[in-house]
């Protein structure tokens, strides 16, 4: 079962492929997205990564929460349902 992960405090230059590469080090990535502002098309500073298994997701969360990406400390946790 896949697990959706929230990734906050992203640099405004971070893109989807960078997130996929970062999280792929910890397991199979099903998909990734950086949330964009509707009006400007600029990153809103957060995104989501879907991992193929909860084990991979937990590994990624443990390793990446608080880590540095693009000069910013990432906030990484399990995404809350809408």
Protein backbone atom coordinates (compact mmCIF):
# COMPACT_ATOMS: atom_id res chain seq x y z
CA UNK A 1 0.00 0.00 0.00
CA UNK A 2 1.39 3.40 -0.97
CA UNK A 3 1.96 6.21 1.51
CA UNK A 4 1.67 9.92 0.77
CA UNK A 5 4.31 12.19 2.36
CA UNK A 6 4.13 15.93 2.97
CA UNK A 7 7.36 17.83 2.25
CA UNK A 8 7.46 21.40 3.58
CA UNK A 9 9.88 24.34 3.59
CA UNK A 10 11.01 23.64 0.03
CA UNK A 11 13.18 26.11 -1.81
CA UNK A 12 11.17 27.90 -4.51
CA UNK A 13 13.55 26.43 -7.10
CA UNK A 14 12.93 22.78 -6.11
CA UNK A 15 11.03 20.87 -8.78
CA UNK A 16 9.23 17.55 -9.08
CA UNK A 17 12.20 15.64 -10.52
CA UNK A 18 14.48 16.82 -7.70
CA UNK A 19 11.97 15.54 -5.12
CA UNK A 20 11.72 12.19 -6.95
CA UNK A 21 15.50 11.77 -7.01
CA UNK A 22 15.84 12.67 -3.33
CA UNK A 23 13.16 10.25 -2.14
CA UNK A 24 14.14 7.44 -4.56
CA UNK A 25 17.24 6.91 -2.42
CA UNK A 26 14.91 5.45 0.24
CA UNK A 27 12.59 3.31 -1.87
CA UNK A 28 10.28 3.27 -4.89
CA UNK A 29 8.63 6.61 -5.63
CA UNK A 30 5.18 6.36 -7.22
CA UNK A 31 4.89 10.09 -7.87
CA UNK A 32 5.86 13.56 -6.67
CA UNK A 33 4.47 17.05 -7.00
CA UNK A 34 5.42 20.56 -5.97
CA UNK A 35 2.35 22.67 -5.24
CA UNK A 36 2.23 25.82 -7.39
CA UNK A 37 0.44 29.11 -6.83
CA UNK A 38 -2.53 29.39 -9.19
CA UNK A 39 -1.94 33.02 -10.09
CA UNK A 40 1.85 33.21 -10.39
CA UNK A 41 2.79 29.61 -11.24
CA UNK A 42 5.53 29.85 -8.60
CA UNK A 43 6.15 27.15 -6.01
CA UNK A 44 4.27 27.58 -2.73
CA UNK A 45 7.17 25.98 -0.85
CA UNK A 46 5.68 22.55 -0.22
CA UNK A 47 4.84 19.36 -2.05
CA UNK A 48 3.92 15.71 -1.77
CA UNK A 49 5.70 12.46 -2.56
CA UNK A 50 3.93 9.11 -2.85
CA UNK A 51 6.07 6.12 -1.86
CA UNK A 52 5.22 2.55 -2.93
CA UNK A 53 5.37 1.11 0.60
CA UNK A 54 4.97 2.35 4.15
CA UNK A 55 8.44 0.96 4.97
CA UNK A 56 10.02 3.13 2.25
CA UNK A 57 7.99 6.11 3.44
CA UNK A 58 9.08 5.66 7.06
CA UNK A 59 12.71 5.33 5.96
CA UNK A 60 12.48 8.53 3.90
CA UNK A 61 10.74 10.45 6.70
CA UNK A 62 13.36 9.39 9.26
CA UNK A 63 16.26 10.25 6.97
CA UNK A 64 14.99 13.48 5.42
CA UNK A 65 13.04 15.31 8.14
CA UNK A 66 15.25 18.22 9.17
CA UNK A 67 17.76 17.63 6.37
CA UNK A 68 19.02 20.43 4.13
CA UNK A 69 17.85 20.84 0.53
CA UNK A 70 18.69 24.02 -1.36
CA UNK A 71 19.72 25.78 1.84
CA UNK A 72 16.44 25.05 3.65
CA UNK A 73 15.63 22.53 6.41
CA UNK A 74 12.93 20.18 5.17
CA UNK A 75 9.82 19.33 7.16
CA UNK A 76 8.87 15.77 6.17
CA UNK A 77 5.96 13.74 7.61
CA UNK A 78 3.02 11.56 6.62
CA UNK A 79 0.48 13.68 4.75
CA UNK A 80 -2.83 14.22 6.50
CA UNK A 81 -5.94 13.38 4.47
CA UNK A 82 -7.93 16.36 3.20
